[in-house]
PDB file of N, CA and C in Angstrom:
ATOM      1  N   MET A   1      15.889 -11.880   8.556  1.00  0.00           N
ATOM      2  CA  MET A   1      14.157 -11.514   8.844  1.00  0.00           C
ATOM      3  C   MET A   1      14.022 -11.110   7.433  1.00  0.00           C
ATOM      4  N   LYS A   2      12.661 -11.766   7.026  1.00  0.00           N
ATOM      5  CA  LYS A   2      12.133 -11.133   5.834  1.00  0.00           C
ATOM      6  C   LYS A   2      11.077 -10.949   6.280  1.00  0.00           C
ATOM      7  N   ALA A   3      10.442  -9.789   5.344  1.00  0.00           N
ATOM      8  CA  ALA A   3       8.878  -9.347   5.063  1.00  0.00           C
ATOM      9  C   ALA A   3       8.036 -10.502   4.276  1.00  0.00           C
ATOM     10  N   GLN A   4       6.691 -10.755   4.707  1.00  0.00           N
ATOM     11  CA  GLN A   4       5.990 -11.567   3.625  1.00  0.00           C
ATOM     12  C   GLN A   4       4.624 -10.857   3.522  1.00  0.00           C
ATOM     13  N   VAL A   5       4.223 -10.432   2.277  1.00  0.00           N
ATOM     14  CA  VAL A   5       3.030  -9.892   2.247  1.00  0.00           C
ATOM     15  C   VAL A   5       1.872 -10.835   1.825  1.00  0.00           C
ATOM     16  N   VAL A   6       0.484 -11.010   2.667  1.00  0.00           N
ATOM     17  CA  VAL A   6      -0.451 -11.401   2.695  1.00  0.00           C
ATOM     18  C   VAL A   6      -1.830 -11.283   2.138  1.00  0.00           C
ATOM     19  N   LYS A   7      -2.182 -11.780   1.003  1.00  0.00           N
ATOM     20  CA  LYS A   7      -3.274 -11.200   0.373  1.00  0.00           C
ATOM     21  C   LYS A   7      -4.577 -12.092   0.399  1.00  0.00           C
ATOM     22  N   GLY A   8      -5.629 -11.844   0.370  1.00  0.00           N
ATOM     23  CA  GLY A   8      -6.988 -12.457   0.576  1.00  0.00           C
ATOM     24  C   GLY A   8      -7.806 -11.829   1.342  1.00  0.00           C
ATOM     25  N   SER A   9      -8.758 -12.341   1.436  1.00  0.00           N
ATOM     26  CA  SER A   9      -9.825 -11.866   2.304  1.00  0.00           C
ATOM     27  C   SER A   9      -9.509 -12.056   3.728  1.00  0.00           C
ATOM     28  N   LYS A  10     -10.499 -11.417   5.246  1.00  0.00           N
ATOM     29  CA  LYS A  10      -9.846 -11.266   6.156  1.00  0.00           C
ATOM     30  C   LYS A  10      -9.630 -12.502   6.703  1.00  0.00           C
ATOM     31  N   GLN A  11     -10.545 -13.468   6.500  1.00  0.00           N
ATOM     32  CA  GLN A  11     -10.491 -15.114   6.837  1.00  0.00           C
ATOM     33  C   GLN A  11      -9.173 -15.616   6.630  1.00  0.00           C
ATOM     34  N   GLU A  12      -8.823 -15.521   5.147  1.00  0.00           N
ATOM     35  CA  GLU A  12      -7.718 -16.283   4.486  1.00  0.00           C
ATOM     36  C   GLU A  12      -6.407 -15.658   4.906  1.00  0.00           C
ATOM     37  N   ILE A  13      -6.362 -14.290   5.166  1.00  0.00           N
ATOM     38  CA  ILE A  13      -5.153 -13.623   5.830  1.00  0.00           C
ATOM     39  C   ILE A  13      -5.147 -14.043   7.209  1.00  0.00           C
ATOM     40  N   ALA A  14      -6.045 -14.050   7.920  1.00  0.00           N
ATOM     41  CA  ALA A  14      -6.042 -14.506   9.576  1.00  0.00           C
ATOM     42  C   ALA A  14      -5.182 -16.034   9.585  1.00  0.00           C
ATOM     43  N   GLU A  15      -5.988 -16.986   8.656  1.00  0.00           N
ATOM     44  CA  GLU A  15      -5.548 -18.527   8.665  1.00  0.00           C
ATOM     45  C   GLU A  15      -4.320 -18.547   8.205  1.00  0.00           C
ATOM     46  N   THR A  16      -3.428 -17.620   7.447  1.00  0.00           N
ATOM     47  CA  THR A  16      -2.238 -17.925   6.741  1.00  0.00           C
ATOM     48  C   THR A  16      -1.412 -17.103   7.939  1.00  0.00           C
ATOM     49  N   VAL A  17      -1.397 -15.888   8.529  1.00  0.00           N
ATOM     50  CA  VAL A  17      -0.872 -15.362   9.367  1.00  0.00           C
ATOM     51  C   VAL A  17      -0.404 -16.517  10.749  1.00  0.00           C
ATOM     52  N   VAL A  18      -1.350 -17.154  11.010  1.00  0.00           N
ATOM     53  CA  VAL A  18      -1.267 -18.288  12.051  1.00  0.00           C
ATOM     54  C   VAL A  18      -0.562 -19.391  11.763  1.00  0.00           C
ATOM     55  N   ARG A  19      -0.545 -19.767  10.398  1.00  0.00           N
ATOM     56  CA  ARG A  19       0.578 -20.581  10.065  1.00  0.00           C
ATOM     57  C   ARG A  19       2.018 -20.113   9.860  1.00  0.00           C
ATOM     58  N   ILE A  20       2.106 -18.946   9.911  1.00  0.00           N
ATOM     59  CA  ILE A  20       3.210 -18.185   9.700  1.00  0.00           C
ATOM     60  C   ILE A  20       4.385 -18.529  10.869  1.00  0.00           C
ATOM     61  N   ASP A  21       5.397 -18.853  10.937  1.00  0.00           N
ATOM     62  CA  ASP A  21       6.483 -19.248  11.876  1.00  0.00           C
ATOM     63  C   ASP A  21       7.138 -17.822  12.002  1.00  0.00           C
ATOM     64  N   GLY A  22       7.197 -17.451  13.440  1.00  0.00           N
ATOM     65  CA  GLY A  22       7.614 -16.448  13.809  1.00  0.00           C
ATOM     66  C   GLY A  22       6.671 -15.261  14.281  1.00  0.00           C
ATOM     67  N   GLU A  23       7.188 -14.205  14.510  1.00  0.00           N
ATOM     68  CA  GLU A  23       6.261 -13.103  15.200  1.00  0.00           C
ATOM     69  C   GLU A  23       5.635 -12.229  14.274  1.00  0.00           C
ATOM     70  N   VAL A  24       4.199 -11.754  14.395  1.00  0.00           N
ATOM     71  CA  VAL A  24       3.825 -10.353  13.787  1.00  0.00           C
ATOM     72  C   VAL A  24       4.048  -9.118  14.418  1.00  0.00           C
ATOM     73  N   ARG A  25       4.910  -8.032  13.818  1.00  0.00           N
ATOM     74  CA  ARG A  25       5.108  -6.778  14.411  1.00  0.00           C
ATOM     75  C   ARG A  25       4.365  -5.905  14.037  1.00  0.00           C
ATOM     76  N   GLU A  26       3.757  -5.716  12.899  1.00  0.00           N
ATOM     77  CA  GLU A  26       2.950  -4.592  12.111  1.00  0.00           C
ATOM     78  C   GLU A  26       1.982  -5.519  11.237  1.00  0.00           C
ATOM     79  N   ALA A  27       1.072  -4.578  11.060  1.00  0.00           N
ATOM     80  CA  ALA A  27       0.164  -5.025  10.201  1.00  0.00           C
ATOM     81  C   ALA A  27      -0.376  -3.574   9.525  1.00  0.00           C
ATOM     82  N   ILE A  28      -0.953  -3.554   8.422  1.00  0.00           N
ATOM     83  CA  ILE A  28      -1.664  -2.430   7.587  1.00  0.00           C
ATOM     84  C   ILE A  28      -3.049  -3.165   7.163  1.00  0.00           C
ATOM     85  N   VAL A  29      -4.092  -2.162   7.582  1.00  0.00           N
ATOM     86  CA  VAL A  29      -5.083  -2.780   7.345  1.00  0.00           C
ATOM     87  C   VAL A  29      -6.039  -1.307   6.827  1.00  0.00           C
ATOM     88  N   PHE A  30      -6.691  -1.689   5.612  1.00  0.00           N
ATOM     89  CA  PHE A  30      -7.532  -0.584   4.798  1.00  0.00           C
ATOM     90  C   PHE A  30      -8.947  -0.776   5.450  1.00  0.00           C
ATOM     91  N   VAL A  31      -9.280   0.332   6.103  1.00  0.00           N
ATOM     92  CA  VAL A  31     -10.716   0.383   6.757  1.00  0.00           C
ATOM     93  C   VAL A  31     -11.422   0.969   5.963  1.00  0.00           C
ATOM     94  N   GLU A  32     -12.567   1.291   5.271  1.00  0.00           N
ATOM     95  CA  GLU A  32     -13.544   1.752   4.670  1.00  0.00           C
ATOM     96  C   GLU A  32     -14.124   2.962   5.583  1.00  0.00           C
ATOM     97  N   GLU A  33     -14.108   3.948   5.523  1.00  0.00           N
ATOM     98  CA  GLU A  33     -14.720   5.255   6.088  1.00  0.00           C
ATOM     99  C   GLU A  33     -15.942   5.574   5.322  1.00  0.00           C
ATOM    100  N   PRO A  34     -17.034   5.580   6.301  1.00  0.00           N
ATOM    101  CA  PRO A  34     -18.247   5.921   5.799  1.00  0.00           C
ATOM    102  C   PRO A  34     -17.982   7.605   5.396  1.00  0.00           C
ATOM    103  N   SER A  35     -18.921   7.271   4.165  1.00  0.00           N
ATOM    104  CA  SER A  35     -18.613   8.850   3.282  1.00  0.00           C
ATOM    105  C   SER A  35     -19.728   9.157   2.401  1.00  0.00           C
ATOM    106  N   ASP A  36     -20.338  10.337   2.286  1.00  0.00           N
ATOM    107  CA  ASP A  36     -21.291  10.971   1.184  1.00  0.00           C
ATOM    108  C   ASP A  36     -20.680  10.472   0.048  1.00  0.00           C
ATOM    109  N   GLN A  37     -19.389  10.903  -0.257  1.00  0.00           N
ATOM    110  CA  GLN A  37     -18.904  10.723  -1.416  1.00  0.00           C
ATOM    111  C   GLN A  37     -18.600   9.385  -2.126  1.00  0.00           C
ATOM    112  N   THR A  38     -18.887   8.943  -3.235  1.00  0.00           N
ATOM    113  CA  THR A  38     -18.346   7.550  -3.598  1.00  0.00           C
ATOM    114  C   THR A  38     -16.766   7.218  -4.025  1.00  0.00           C
ATOM    115  N   SER A  39     -16.175   8.298  -4.094  1.00  0.00           N
ATOM    116  CA  SER A  39     -14.924   7.996  -4.191  1.00  0.00           C
ATOM    117  C   SER A  39     -14.094   9.274  -3.242  1.00  0.00           C
ATOM    118  N   ALA A  40     -12.606   9.136  -3.458  1.00  0.00           N
ATOM    119  CA  ALA A  40     -11.819   9.935  -2.669  1.00  0.00           C
ATOM    120  C   ALA A  40     -12.006  11.219  -3.285  1.00  0.00           C
ATOM    121  N   PRO A  41     -11.823  12.103  -2.688  1.00  0.00           N
ATOM    122  CA  PRO A  41     -11.614  13.749  -3.435  1.00  0.00           C
ATOM    123  C   PRO A  41     -10.345  13.700  -4.438  1.00  0.00           C
ATOM    124  N   SER A  42     -10.799  14.324  -5.065  1.00  0.00           N
ATOM    125  CA  SER A  42      -9.500  14.430  -6.326  1.00  0.00           C
ATOM    126  C   SER A  42      -7.992  15.035  -5.667  1.00  0.00           C
ATOM    127  N   GLY A  43      -7.077  14.943  -5.745  1.00  0.00           N
ATOM    128  CA  GLY A  43      -6.062  15.220  -5.584  1.00  0.00           C
ATOM    129  C   GLY A  43      -5.635  14.944  -4.255  1.00  0.00           C
ATOM    130  N   GLU A  44      -6.412  13.799  -3.462  1.00  0.00           N
ATOM    131  CA  GLU A  44      -5.892  13.625  -1.714  1.00  0.00           C
ATOM    132  C   GLU A  44      -4.969  12.217  -2.412  1.00  0.00           C
ATOM    133  N   ASP A  45      -4.075  12.356  -1.797  1.00  0.00           N
ATOM    134  CA  ASP A  45      -3.141  11.059  -1.489  1.00  0.00           C
ATOM    135  C   ASP A  45      -3.464  10.156  -0.415  1.00  0.00           C
ATOM    136  N   ILE A  46      -4.192   8.837  -0.635  1.00  0.00           N
ATOM    137  CA  ILE A  46      -4.674   8.169   0.514  1.00  0.00           C
ATOM    138  C   ILE A  46      -3.270   7.826   0.990  1.00  0.00           C
ATOM    139  N   PHE A  47      -2.403   7.746   0.579  1.00  0.00           N
ATOM    140  CA  PHE A  47      -0.973   6.649   1.236  1.00  0.00           C
ATOM    141  C   PHE A  47      -0.190   8.354   1.458  1.00  0.00           C
ATOM    142  N   ALA A  48      -0.445   9.212   1.712  1.00  0.00           N
ATOM    143  CA  ALA A  48       0.499  10.051   2.614  1.00  0.00           C
ATOM    144  C   ALA A  48       1.003  10.137   3.567  1.00  0.00           C
ATOM    145  N   GLU A  49       0.139   9.590   4.899  1.00  0.00           N
ATOM    146  CA  GLU A  49       0.431   9.202   6.255  1.00  0.00           C
ATOM    147  C   GLU A  49       1.749   8.209   5.864  1.00  0.00           C
ATOM    148  N   MET A  50       1.820   7.369   4.743  1.00  0.00           N
ATOM    149  CA  MET A  50       2.785   6.269   5.363  1.00  0.00           C
ATOM    150  C   MET A  50       3.763   6.434   4.209  1.00  0.00           C
ATOM    151  N   GLU A  51       4.047   7.908   3.829  1.00  0.00           N
ATOM    152  CA  GLU A  51       5.746   8.783   3.216  1.00  0.00           C
ATOM    153  C   GLU A  51       6.865   8.592   4.421  1.00  0.00           C
ATOM    154  N   PRO A  52       6.581   8.795   5.356  1.00  0.00           N
ATOM    155  CA  PRO A  52       7.833   8.305   6.255  1.00  0.00           C
ATOM    156  C   PRO A  52       8.353   7.151   6.228  1.00  0.00           C
ATOM    157  N   PHE A  53       7.755   6.031   5.991  1.00  0.00           N
ATOM    158  CA  PHE A  53       8.138   4.782   6.033  1.00  0.00           C
ATOM    159  C   PHE A  53       8.494   4.495   4.564  1.00  0.00           C
ATOM    160  N   MET A  54       8.062   4.980   3.612  1.00  0.00           N
ATOM    161  CA  MET A  54       8.745   4.772   2.066  1.00  0.00           C
ATOM    162  C   MET A  54      10.217   4.881   1.916  1.00  0.00           C
ATOM    163  N   VAL A  55      10.598   3.882   0.870  1.00  0.00           N
ATOM    164  CA  VAL A  55      11.947   3.554   0.925  1.00  0.00           C
ATOM    165  C   VAL A  55      12.108   4.499  -0.564  1.00  0.00           C
ATOM    166  N   LYS A  56      13.438   5.674  -0.594  1.00  0.00           N
ATOM    167  CA  LYS A  56      13.547   6.420  -1.561  1.00  0.00           C
ATOM    168  C   LYS A  56      14.742   6.214  -2.076  1.00  0.00           C
ATOM    169  N   VAL A  57      14.751   5.544  -3.565  1.00  0.00           N
ATOM    170  CA  VAL A  57      16.050   5.312  -3.943  1.00  0.00           C
ATOM    171  C   VAL A  57      16.773   6.431  -4.767  1.00  0.00           C
ATOM    172  N   GLY A  58      17.712   7.129  -4.501  1.00  0.00           N
ATOM    173  CA  GLY A  58      18.377   8.020  -5.307  1.00  0.00           C
ATOM    174  C   GLY A  58      18.098   8.033  -6.936  1.00  0.00           C
ATOM    175  N   GLY A  59      17.671   9.136  -7.338  1.00  0.00           N
ATOM    176  CA  GLY A  59      17.608   9.378  -8.995  1.00  0.00           C
ATOM    177  C   GLY A  59      16.317   8.780  -9.594  1.00  0.00           C
ATOM    178  N   ALA A  60      15.468   7.779  -8.965  1.00  0.00           N
ATOM    179  CA  ALA A  60      14.136   7.324  -9.661  1.00  0.00           C
ATOM    180  C   ALA A  60      13.321   8.111  -8.923  1.00  0.00           C
ATOM    181  N   ASP A  61      12.282   8.355 -10.021  1.00  0.00           N
ATOM    182  CA  ASP A  61      10.918   8.906  -9.722  1.00  0.00           C
ATOM    183  C   ASP A  61      10.130   8.082  -9.735  1.00  0.00           C
ATOM    184  N   TYR A  62       9.260   7.466  -8.487  1.00  0.00           N
ATOM    185  CA  TYR A  62       8.499   6.609  -8.591  1.00  0.00           C
ATOM    186  C   TYR A  62       6.717   7.575  -7.948  1.00  0.00           C
ATOM    187  N   SER A  63       6.649   8.464  -8.932  1.00  0.00           N
ATOM    188  CA  SER A  63       5.609   8.932  -8.423  1.00  0.00           C
ATOM    189  C   SER A  63       4.659   8.536  -9.373  1.00  0.00           C
ATOM    190  N   ARG A  64       3.343   9.054  -8.959  1.00  0.00           N
ATOM    191  CA  ARG A  64       2.155   8.427  -9.852  1.00  0.00           C
ATOM    192  C   ARG A  64       2.163   9.177 -11.162  1.00  0.00           C
ATOM    193  N   GLU A  65       2.533  10.344 -11.357  1.00  0.00           N
ATOM    194  CA  GLU A  65       2.741  10.966 -12.419  1.00  0.00           C
ATOM    195  C   GLU A  65       3.761  10.621 -13.426  1.00  0.00           C
ATOM    196  N   ALA A  66       4.739  10.211 -12.745  1.00  0.00           N
ATOM    197  CA  ALA A  66       6.085   9.653 -13.496  1.00  0.00           C
ATOM    198  C   ALA A  66       5.780   8.320 -14.120  1.00  0.00           C
ATOM    199  N   ILE A  67       5.249   7.583 -13.412  1.00  0.00           N
ATOM    200  CA  ILE A  67       4.941   6.092 -13.640  1.00  0.00           C
ATOM    201  C   ILE A  67       3.803   6.068 -14.666  1.00  0.00           C
ATOM    202  N   TYR A  68       2.717   6.798 -14.640  1.00  0.00           N
ATOM    203  CA  TYR A  68       1.685   6.978 -15.817  1.00  0.00           C
ATOM    204  C   TYR A  68       1.873   7.688 -16.969  1.00  0.00           C
ATOM    205  N   ALA A  69       2.753   8.798 -16.927  1.00  0.00           N
ATOM    206  CA  ALA A  69       3.059   9.628 -18.046  1.00  0.00           C
ATOM    207  C   ALA A  69       3.883   9.115 -19.186  1.00  0.00           C
ATOM    208  N   TRP A  70       3.268   9.078 -20.263  1.00  0.00           N
ATOM    209  CA  TRP A  70       3.763   8.637 -21.484  1.00  0.00           C
ATOM    210  C   TRP A  70       5.268   9.560 -21.630  1.00  0.00           C
ATOM    211  N   THR A  71       5.951   8.870 -22.075  1.00  0.00           N
ATOM    212  CA  THR A  71       7.532   9.320 -22.399  1.00  0.00           C
ATOM    213  C   THR A  71       7.888   9.145 -24.024  1.00  0.00           C
ATOM    214  N   ASP A  72       8.792  10.026 -24.372  1.00  0.00           N
ATOM    215  CA  ASP A  72       9.087   9.896 -26.051  1.00  0.00           C
ATOM    216  C   ASP A  72       8.920   8.618 -26.141  1.00  0.00           C
ATOM    217  N   GLY A  73       8.597   8.425 -27.421  1.00  0.00           N
ATOM    218  CA  GLY A  73       8.784   7.303 -28.339  1.00  0.00           C
ATOM    219  C   GLY A  73       7.458   6.253 -27.780  1.00  0.00           C
ATOM    220  N   GLU A  74       6.646   6.467 -26.649  1.00  0.00           N
ATOM    221  CA  GLU A  74       5.892   5.625 -26.250  1.00  0.00           C
ATOM    222  C   GLU A  74       4.524   5.553 -27.071  1.00  0.00           C
TER     223      GLU A  74
END
């Protein structure tokens, strides 16, 4: 079994999913919530609820800070 990532508009994704052989077991849908703020509050991790499902490989630091921080020689 393999996972397939489908991107596009809602209509394009629906059309693509219909053409995929196999079964759909799970979908992640991002829904904008009405808010008075124009952006997420600083420090809020919008992916925190997905943490239990994330893969962690020993020794590697894939945190946002580690990815975007300059290292020596850069």
